[in-house]
Amino acid sequence: MKLLPSCHDVQTDLTEYAEGALPFRRRAGIWLHLLLCRVCAAFFRGLMALPGVSKTALAPPEAAPDAALKALAAVQAALGKPKP
């Protein structure tokens, strides 16, 4: 790979770049490419945002929805158990 990699090379190696798993010369080439290429830089920012977006999207709600609480109360009443 040359010092300044192509967009394809960069996008192929971005995960390893983010993890610090590439040799110095490849890391330096990708770093320089990201400084010069807005498209690849945006792609890298998106890649870096994925863990936070996933954590937010998959997090359970802080409180149960009203419909769920009503359904739980109805089931508990039908079973003759006290409400929480």
PDB file of N, CA and C in Angstrom:
ATOM      1  N   MET A   1       0.860  -1.179   0.000  1.00  0.00           N
ATOM      2  CA  MET A   1       0.000   0.000   0.000  1.00  0.00           C
ATOM      3  C   MET A   1       0.900   1.233   0.000  1.00  0.00           C
ATOM      4  N   LYS A   2       0.565   2.226  -0.782  1.00  0.00           N
ATOM      5  CA  LYS A   2       1.318   3.467  -0.824  1.00  0.00           C
ATOM      6  C   LYS A   2       1.059   4.288   0.440  1.00  0.00           C
ATOM      7  N   LEU A   3       1.828   5.367   0.615  1.00  0.00           N
ATOM      8  CA  LEU A   3       1.689   6.183   1.816  1.00  0.00           C
ATOM      9  C   LEU A   3       0.279   6.747   1.923  1.00  0.00           C
ATOM     10  N   LEU A   4      -0.264   7.266   0.811  1.00  0.00           N
ATOM     11  CA  LEU A   4      -1.620   7.798   0.844  1.00  0.00           C
ATOM     12  C   LEU A   4      -2.555   6.770   0.210  1.00  0.00           C
ATOM     13  N   PRO A   5      -3.289   6.037   1.029  1.00  0.00           N
ATOM     14  CA  PRO A   5      -4.158   4.980   0.504  1.00  0.00           C
ATOM     15  C   PRO A   5      -5.382   5.551  -0.209  1.00  0.00           C
ATOM     16  N   SER A   6      -6.000   4.710  -1.024  1.00  0.00           N
ATOM     17  CA  SER A   6      -7.218   5.103  -1.724  1.00  0.00           C
ATOM     18  C   SER A   6      -8.399   5.066  -0.755  1.00  0.00           C
ATOM     19  N   CYS A   7      -9.513   5.621  -1.182  1.00  0.00           N
ATOM     20  CA  CYS A   7     -10.722   5.595  -0.353  1.00  0.00           C
ATOM     21  C   CYS A   7     -11.132   4.157  -0.041  1.00  0.00           C
ATOM     22  N   HIS A   8     -11.030   3.283  -1.012  1.00  0.00           N
ATOM     23  CA  HIS A   8     -11.371   1.876  -0.803  1.00  0.00           C
ATOM     24  C   HIS A   8     -10.470   1.264   0.263  1.00  0.00           C
ATOM     25  N   ASP A   9      -9.162   1.524   0.169  1.00  0.00           N
ATOM     26  CA  ASP A   9      -8.230   0.998   1.170  1.00  0.00           C
ATOM     27  C   ASP A   9      -8.575   1.516   2.563  1.00  0.00           C
ATOM     28  N   VAL A  10      -8.888   2.790   2.658  1.00  0.00           N
ATOM     29  CA  VAL A  10      -9.202   3.398   3.948  1.00  0.00           C
ATOM     30  C   VAL A  10     -10.458   2.774   4.530  1.00  0.00           C
ATOM     31  N   GLN A  11     -11.514   2.689   3.746  1.00  0.00           N
ATOM     32  CA  GLN A  11     -12.770   2.164   4.265  1.00  0.00           C
ATOM     33  C   GLN A  11     -12.656   0.689   4.629  1.00  0.00           C
ATOM     34  N   THR A  12     -11.771  -0.029   3.972  1.00  0.00           N
ATOM     35  CA  THR A  12     -11.544  -1.432   4.298  1.00  0.00           C
ATOM     36  C   THR A  12     -10.846  -1.586   5.648  1.00  0.00           C
ATOM     37  N   ASP A  13      -9.950  -0.643   5.971  1.00  0.00           N
ATOM     38  CA  ASP A  13      -9.128  -0.753   7.175  1.00  0.00           C
ATOM     39  C   ASP A  13      -9.594   0.104   8.348  1.00  0.00           C
ATOM     40  N   LEU A  14     -10.733   0.776   8.236  1.00  0.00           N
ATOM     41  CA  LEU A  14     -11.125   1.712   9.290  1.00  0.00           C
ATOM     42  C   LEU A  14     -11.376   1.054  10.639  1.00  0.00           C
ATOM     43  N   THR A  15     -11.927  -0.125  10.674  1.00  0.00           N
ATOM     44  CA  THR A  15     -12.167  -0.780  11.954  1.00  0.00           C
ATOM     45  C   THR A  15     -10.848  -1.058  12.663  1.00  0.00           C
ATOM     46  N   GLU A  16      -9.893  -1.603  11.931  1.00  0.00           N
ATOM     47  CA  GLU A  16      -8.583  -1.871  12.514  1.00  0.00           C
ATOM     48  C   GLU A  16      -7.881  -0.565  12.898  1.00  0.00           C
ATOM     49  N   TYR A  17      -8.082   0.479  12.101  1.00  0.00           N
ATOM     50  CA  TYR A  17      -7.511   1.794  12.424  1.00  0.00           C
ATOM     51  C   TYR A  17      -8.078   2.292  13.752  1.00  0.00           C
ATOM     52  N   ALA A  18      -9.381   2.197  13.929  1.00  0.00           N
ATOM     53  CA  ALA A  18     -10.022   2.668  15.154  1.00  0.00           C
ATOM     54  C   ALA A  18      -9.560   1.867  16.368  1.00  0.00           C
ATOM     55  N   GLU A  19      -9.258   0.596  16.167  1.00  0.00           N
ATOM     56  CA  GLU A  19      -8.808  -0.256  17.264  1.00  0.00           C
ATOM     57  C   GLU A  19      -7.310  -0.131  17.531  1.00  0.00           C
ATOM     58  N   GLY A  20      -6.605   0.599  16.654  1.00  0.00           N
ATOM     59  CA  GLY A  20      -5.158   0.734  16.815  1.00  0.00           C
ATOM     60  C   GLY A  20      -4.397  -0.520  16.441  1.00  0.00           C
ATOM     61  N   ALA A  21      -4.980  -1.338  15.567  1.00  0.00           N
ATOM     62  CA  ALA A  21      -4.399  -2.634  15.228  1.00  0.00           C
ATOM     63  C   ALA A  21      -3.566  -2.619  13.944  1.00  0.00           C
ATOM     64  N   LEU A  22      -3.326  -1.447  13.380  1.00  0.00           N
ATOM     65  CA  LEU A  22      -2.561  -1.372  12.132  1.00  0.00           C
ATOM     66  C   LEU A  22      -1.121  -0.949  12.413  1.00  0.00           C
ATOM     67  N   PRO A  23      -0.213  -1.355  11.526  1.00  0.00           N
ATOM     68  CA  PRO A  23       1.167  -0.881  11.660  1.00  0.00           C
ATOM     69  C   PRO A  23       1.229   0.645  11.492  1.00  0.00           C
ATOM     70  N   PHE A  24       2.277   1.237  12.030  1.00  0.00           N
ATOM     71  CA  PHE A  24       2.405   2.687  12.028  1.00  0.00           C
ATOM     72  C   PHE A  24       2.251   3.302  10.639  1.00  0.00           C
ATOM     73  N   ARG A  25       2.924   2.735   9.649  1.00  0.00           N
ATOM     74  CA  ARG A  25       2.874   3.323   8.294  1.00  0.00           C
ATOM     75  C   ARG A  25       1.444   3.361   7.748  1.00  0.00           C
ATOM     76  N   ARG A  26       0.673   2.296   7.952  1.00  0.00           N
ATOM     77  CA  ARG A  26      -0.714   2.277   7.472  1.00  0.00           C
ATOM     78  C   ARG A  26      -1.583   3.244   8.265  1.00  0.00           C
ATOM     79  N   ARG A  27      -1.379   3.298   9.589  1.00  0.00           N
ATOM     80  CA  ARG A  27      -2.134   4.252  10.416  1.00  0.00           C
ATOM     81  C   ARG A  27      -1.865   5.680   9.966  1.00  0.00           C
ATOM     82  N   ALA A  28      -0.598   5.989   9.709  1.00  0.00           N
ATOM     83  CA  ALA A  28      -0.232   7.343   9.277  1.00  0.00           C
ATOM     84  C   ALA A  28      -0.870   7.675   7.934  1.00  0.00           C
ATOM     85  N   GLY A  29      -0.872   6.724   7.016  1.00  0.00           N
ATOM     86  CA  GLY A  29      -1.490   6.946   5.707  1.00  0.00           C
ATOM     87  C   GLY A  29      -2.990   7.185   5.817  1.00  0.00           C
ATOM     88  N   ILE A  30      -3.646   6.398   6.651  1.00  0.00           N
ATOM     89  CA  ILE A  30      -5.093   6.570   6.839  1.00  0.00           C
ATOM     90  C   ILE A  30      -5.376   7.899   7.526  1.00  0.00           C
ATOM     91  N   TRP A  31      -4.588   8.243   8.544  1.00  0.00           N
ATOM     92  CA  TRP A  31      -4.759   9.523   9.236  1.00  0.00           C
ATOM     93  C   TRP A  31      -4.651  10.686   8.254  1.00  0.00           C
ATOM     94  N   LEU A  32      -3.637  10.633   7.393  1.00  0.00           N
ATOM     95  CA  LEU A  32      -3.458  11.698   6.394  1.00  0.00           C
ATOM     96  C   LEU A  32      -4.632  11.718   5.416  1.00  0.00           C
ATOM     97  N   HIS A  33      -5.062  10.555   4.982  1.00  0.00           N
ATOM     98  CA  HIS A  33      -6.194  10.478   4.058  1.00  0.00           C
ATOM     99  C   HIS A  33      -7.453  11.069   4.697  1.00  0.00           C
ATOM    100  N   LEU A  34      -7.681  10.751   5.977  1.00  0.00           N
ATOM    101  CA  LEU A  34      -8.863  11.274   6.669  1.00  0.00           C
ATOM    102  C   LEU A  34      -8.809  12.792   6.806  1.00  0.00           C
ATOM    103  N   LEU A  35      -7.611  13.355   6.906  1.00  0.00           N
ATOM    104  CA  LEU A  35      -7.480  14.812   6.946  1.00  0.00           C
ATOM    105  C   LEU A  35      -7.864  15.453   5.614  1.00  0.00           C
ATOM    106  N   LEU A  36      -7.602  14.739   4.529  1.00  0.00           N
ATOM    107  CA  LEU A  36      -7.800  15.303   3.186  1.00  0.00           C
ATOM    108  C   LEU A  36      -9.139  14.945   2.549  1.00  0.00           C
ATOM    109  N   CYS A  37      -9.748  13.858   2.959  1.00  0.00           N
ATOM    110  CA  CYS A  37     -10.956  13.361   2.291  1.00  0.00           C
ATOM    111  C   CYS A  37     -12.165  13.500   3.218  1.00  0.00           C
ATOM    112  N   ARG A  38     -13.053  14.417   2.884  1.00  0.00           N
ATOM    113  CA  ARG A  38     -14.239  14.639   3.714  1.00  0.00           C
ATOM    114  C   ARG A  38     -15.179  13.442   3.710  1.00  0.00           C
ATOM    115  N   VAL A  39     -15.261  12.740   2.608  1.00  0.00           N
ATOM    116  CA  VAL A  39     -16.167  11.591   2.515  1.00  0.00           C
ATOM    117  C   VAL A  39     -15.715  10.474   3.463  1.00  0.00           C
ATOM    118  N   CYS A  40     -14.439  10.148   3.419  1.00  0.00           N
ATOM    119  CA  CYS A  40     -13.927   9.097   4.303  1.00  0.00           C
ATOM    120  C   CYS A  40     -13.957   9.546   5.764  1.00  0.00           C
ATOM    121  N   ALA A  41     -13.700  10.816   6.009  1.00  0.00           N
ATOM    122  CA  ALA A  41     -13.764  11.332   7.379  1.00  0.00           C
ATOM    123  C   ALA A  41     -15.184  11.209   7.926  1.00  0.00           C
ATOM    124  N   ALA A  42     -16.170  11.507   7.097  1.00  0.00           N
ATOM    125  CA  ALA A  42     -17.572  11.368   7.523  1.00  0.00           C
ATOM    126  C   ALA A  42     -17.916   9.900   7.754  1.00  0.00           C
ATOM    127  N   PHE A  43     -17.427   9.039   6.896  1.00  0.00           N
ATOM    128  CA  PHE A  43     -17.643   7.596   7.062  1.00  0.00           C
ATOM    129  C   PHE A  43     -17.044   7.130   8.389  1.00  0.00           C
ATOM    130  N   PHE A  44     -15.850   7.615   8.719  1.00  0.00           N
ATOM    131  CA  PHE A  44     -15.179   7.257   9.964  1.00  0.00           C
ATOM    132  C   PHE A  44     -15.951   7.788  11.173  1.00  0.00           C
ATOM    133  N   ARG A  45     -16.448   9.005  11.094  1.00  0.00           N
ATOM    134  CA  ARG A  45     -17.251   9.555  12.197  1.00  0.00           C
ATOM    135  C   ARG A  45     -18.506   8.710  12.420  1.00  0.00           C
ATOM    136  N   GLY A  46     -19.130   8.280  11.335  1.00  0.00           N
ATOM    137  CA  GLY A  46     -20.300   7.407  11.445  1.00  0.00           C
ATOM    138  C   GLY A  46     -19.954   6.084  12.092  1.00  0.00           C
ATOM    139  N   LEU A  47     -18.819   5.525  11.706  1.00  0.00           N
ATOM    140  CA  LEU A  47     -18.369   4.269  12.292  1.00  0.00           C
ATOM    141  C   LEU A  47     -18.114   4.428  13.786  1.00  0.00           C
ATOM    142  N   MET A  48     -17.519   5.531  14.168  1.00  0.00           N
ATOM    143  CA  MET A  48     -17.216   5.776  15.578  1.00  0.00           C
ATOM    144  C   MET A  48     -18.487   6.054  16.392  1.00  0.00           C
ATOM    145  N   ALA A  49     -19.538   6.523  15.739  1.00  0.00           N
ATOM    146  CA  ALA A  49     -20.793   6.823  16.439  1.00  0.00           C
ATOM    147  C   ALA A  49     -21.655   5.576  16.655  1.00  0.00           C
ATOM    148  N   LEU A  50     -21.393   4.501  15.936  1.00  0.00           N
ATOM    149  CA  LEU A  50     -22.243   3.306  16.012  1.00  0.00           C
ATOM    150  C   LEU A  50     -22.415   2.736  17.417  1.00  0.00           C
ATOM    151  N   PRO A  51     -21.371   2.589  18.217  1.00  0.00           N
ATOM    152  CA  PRO A  51     -21.600   2.026  19.557  1.00  0.00           C
ATOM    153  C   PRO A  51     -22.564   2.868  20.399  1.00  0.00           C
ATOM    154  N   GLY A  52     -22.430   4.173  20.349  1.00  0.00           N
ATOM    155  CA  GLY A  52     -23.333   5.030  21.123  1.00  0.00           C
ATOM    156  C   GLY A  52     -24.755   4.975  20.619  1.00  0.00           C
ATOM    157  N   VAL A  53     -24.920   4.958  19.306  1.00  0.00           N
ATOM    158  CA  VAL A  53     -26.254   4.878  18.717  1.00  0.00           C
ATOM    159  C   VAL A  53     -26.900   3.538  19.071  1.00  0.00           C
ATOM    160  N   SER A  54     -26.125   2.472  18.985  1.00  0.00           N
ATOM    161  CA  SER A  54     -26.651   1.147  19.317  1.00  0.00           C
ATOM    162  C   SER A  54     -27.050   1.072  20.780  1.00  0.00           C
ATOM    163  N   LYS A  55     -26.206   1.608  21.648  1.00  0.00           N
ATOM    164  CA  LYS A  55     -26.508   1.575  23.085  1.00  0.00           C
ATOM    165  C   LYS A  55     -27.801   2.331  23.378  1.00  0.00           C
ATOM    166  N   THR A  56     -27.971   3.477  22.747  1.00  0.00           N
ATOM    167  CA  THR A  56     -29.183   4.273  22.951  1.00  0.00           C
ATOM    168  C   THR A  56     -30.409   3.561  22.389  1.00  0.00           C
ATOM    169  N   ALA A  57     -30.280   3.008  21.198  1.00  0.00           N
ATOM    170  CA  ALA A  57     -31.420   2.367  20.545  1.00  0.00           C
ATOM    171  C   ALA A  57     -31.852   1.093  21.248  1.00  0.00           C
ATOM    172  N   LEU A  58     -30.902   0.372  21.827  1.00  0.00           N
ATOM    173  CA  LEU A  58     -31.219  -0.914  22.436  1.00  0.00           C
ATOM    174  C   LEU A  58     -31.446  -0.840  23.944  1.00  0.00           C
ATOM    175  N   ALA A  59     -31.283   0.336  24.522  1.00  0.00           N
ATOM    176  CA  ALA A  59     -31.478   0.483  25.969  1.00  0.00           C
ATOM    177  C   ALA A  59     -32.955   0.314  26.316  1.00  0.00           C
ATOM    178  N   PRO A  60     -33.220  -0.356  27.425  1.00  0.00           N
ATOM    179  CA  PRO A  60     -34.621  -0.483  27.837  1.00  0.00           C
ATOM    180  C   PRO A  60     -35.158   0.871  28.277  1.00  0.00           C
ATOM    181  N   PRO A  61     -36.455   1.076  28.171  1.00  0.00           N
ATOM    182  CA  PRO A  61     -37.015   2.353  28.614  1.00  0.00           C
ATOM    183  C   PRO A  61     -36.829   2.513  30.125  1.00  0.00           C
ATOM    184  N   GLU A  62     -36.723   3.748  30.561  1.00  0.00           N
ATOM    185  CA  GLU A  62     -36.504   3.995  31.989  1.00  0.00           C
ATOM    186  C   GLU A  62     -37.721   3.610  32.819  1.00  0.00           C
ATOM    187  N   ALA A  63     -38.901   3.747  32.274  1.00  0.00           N
ATOM    188  CA  ALA A  63     -40.129   3.364  32.978  1.00  0.00           C
ATOM    189  C   ALA A  63     -41.004   2.561  32.014  1.00  0.00           C
ATOM    190  N   ALA A  64     -41.752   1.649  32.568  1.00  0.00           N
ATOM    191  CA  ALA A  64     -42.642   0.853  31.735  1.00  0.00           C
ATOM    192  C   ALA A  64     -43.762   1.737  31.189  1.00  0.00           C
ATOM    193  N   PRO A  65     -44.178   1.506  29.945  1.00  0.00           N
ATOM    194  CA  PRO A  65     -45.295   2.267  29.387  1.00  0.00           C
ATOM    195  C   PRO A  65     -46.572   2.018  30.191  1.00  0.00           C
ATOM    196  N   ASP A  66     -47.467   2.987  30.183  1.00  0.00           N
ATOM    197  CA  ASP A  66     -48.723   2.876  30.937  1.00  0.00           C
ATOM    198  C   ASP A  66     -49.508   1.619  30.562  1.00  0.00           C
ATOM    199  N   ALA A  67     -49.535   1.283  29.288  1.00  0.00           N
ATOM    200  CA  ALA A  67     -50.283   0.103  28.852  1.00  0.00           C
ATOM    201  C   ALA A  67     -49.712  -1.156  29.498  1.00  0.00           C
ATOM    202  N   ALA A  68     -48.391  -1.222  29.625  1.00  0.00           N
ATOM    203  CA  ALA A  68     -47.770  -2.395  30.249  1.00  0.00           C
ATOM    204  C   ALA A  68     -48.103  -2.453  31.731  1.00  0.00           C
ATOM    205  N   LEU A  69     -48.091  -1.309  32.401  1.00  0.00           N
ATOM    206  CA  LEU A  69     -48.429  -1.280  33.823  1.00  0.00           C
ATOM    207  C   LEU A  69     -49.885  -1.692  34.057  1.00  0.00           C
ATOM    208  N   LYS A  70     -50.778  -1.237  33.174  1.00  0.00           N
ATOM    209  CA  LYS A  70     -52.187  -1.615  33.302  1.00  0.00           C
ATOM    210  C   LYS A  70     -52.375  -3.112  33.056  1.00  0.00           C
ATOM    211  N   ALA A  71     -51.673  -3.639  32.069  1.00  0.00           N
ATOM    212  CA  ALA A  71     -51.771  -5.066  31.768  1.00  0.00           C
ATOM    213  C   ALA A  71     -51.235  -5.894  32.929  1.00  0.00           C
ATOM    214  N   LEU A  72     -50.126  -5.454  33.516  1.00  0.00           N
ATOM    215  CA  LEU A  72     -49.574  -6.157  34.667  1.00  0.00           C
ATOM    216  C   LEU A  72     -50.549  -6.133  35.836  1.00  0.00           C
ATOM    217  N   ALA A  73     -51.147  -4.976  36.089  1.00  0.00           N
ATOM    218  CA  ALA A  73     -52.119  -4.866  37.181  1.00  0.00           C
ATOM    219  C   ALA A  73     -53.315  -5.783  36.933  1.00  0.00           C
ATOM    220  N   ALA A  74     -53.776  -5.870  35.687  1.00  0.00           N
ATOM    221  CA  ALA A  74     -54.910  -6.737  35.364  1.00  0.00           C
ATOM    222  C   ALA A  74     -54.553  -8.204  35.584  1.00  0.00           C
ATOM    223  N   VAL A  75     -53.367  -8.610  35.193  1.00  0.00           N
ATOM    224  CA  VAL A  75     -52.938  -9.997  35.388  1.00  0.00           C
ATOM    225  C   VAL A  75     -52.809 -10.305  36.873  1.00  0.00           C
ATOM    226  N   GLN A  76     -52.207  -9.357  37.610  1.00  0.00           N
ATOM    227  CA  GLN A  76     -52.050  -9.584  39.048  1.00  0.00           C
ATOM    228  C   GLN A  76     -53.412  -9.642  39.738  1.00  0.00           C
ATOM    229  N   ALA A  77     -54.346  -8.808  39.312  1.00  0.00           N
ATOM    230  CA  ALA A  77     -55.693  -8.842  39.894  1.00  0.00           C
ATOM    231  C   ALA A  77     -56.368 -10.170  39.580  1.00  0.00           C
ATOM    232  N   ALA A  78     -56.192 -10.656  38.356  1.00  0.00           N
ATOM    233  CA  ALA A  78     -56.790 -11.922  37.975  1.00  0.00           C
ATOM    234  C   ALA A  78     -56.179 -13.089  38.769  1.00  0.00           C
ATOM    235  N   LEU A  79     -54.935 -12.964  39.127  1.00  0.00           N
ATOM    236  CA  LEU A  79     -54.274 -13.995  39.903  1.00  0.00           C
ATOM    237  C   LEU A  79     -54.474 -13.834  41.404  1.00  0.00           C
ATOM    238  N   GLY A  80     -55.078 -12.700  41.786  1.00  0.00           N
ATOM    239  CA  GLY A  80     -55.337 -12.435  43.186  1.00  0.00           C
ATOM    240  C   GLY A  80     -54.111 -11.981  43.956  1.00  0.00           C
ATOM    241  N   LYS A  81     -53.150 -11.385  43.275  1.00  0.00           N
ATOM    242  CA  LYS A  81     -51.941 -10.906  43.925  1.00  0.00           C
ATOM    243  C   LYS A  81     -52.041  -9.398  44.139  1.00  0.00           C
ATOM    244  N   PRO A  82     -51.377  -8.882  45.183  1.00  0.00           N
ATOM    245  CA  PRO A  82     -51.411  -7.447  45.424  1.00  0.00           C
ATOM    246  C   PRO A  82     -50.644  -6.682  44.339  1.00  0.00           C
ATOM    247  N   LYS A  83     -51.051  -5.455  44.125  1.00  0.00           N
ATOM    248  CA  LYS A  83     -50.398  -4.605  43.131  1.00  0.00           C
ATOM    249  C   LYS A  83     -49.031  -4.171  43.653  1.00  0.00           C
ATOM    250  N   PRO A  84     -48.072  -3.938  42.744  1.00  0.00           N
ATOM    251  CA  PRO A  84     -46.739  -3.505  43.176  1.00  0.00           C
ATOM    252  C   PRO A  84     -46.750  -2.085  43.701  1.00  0.00           C
TER     253      PRO A  84
END
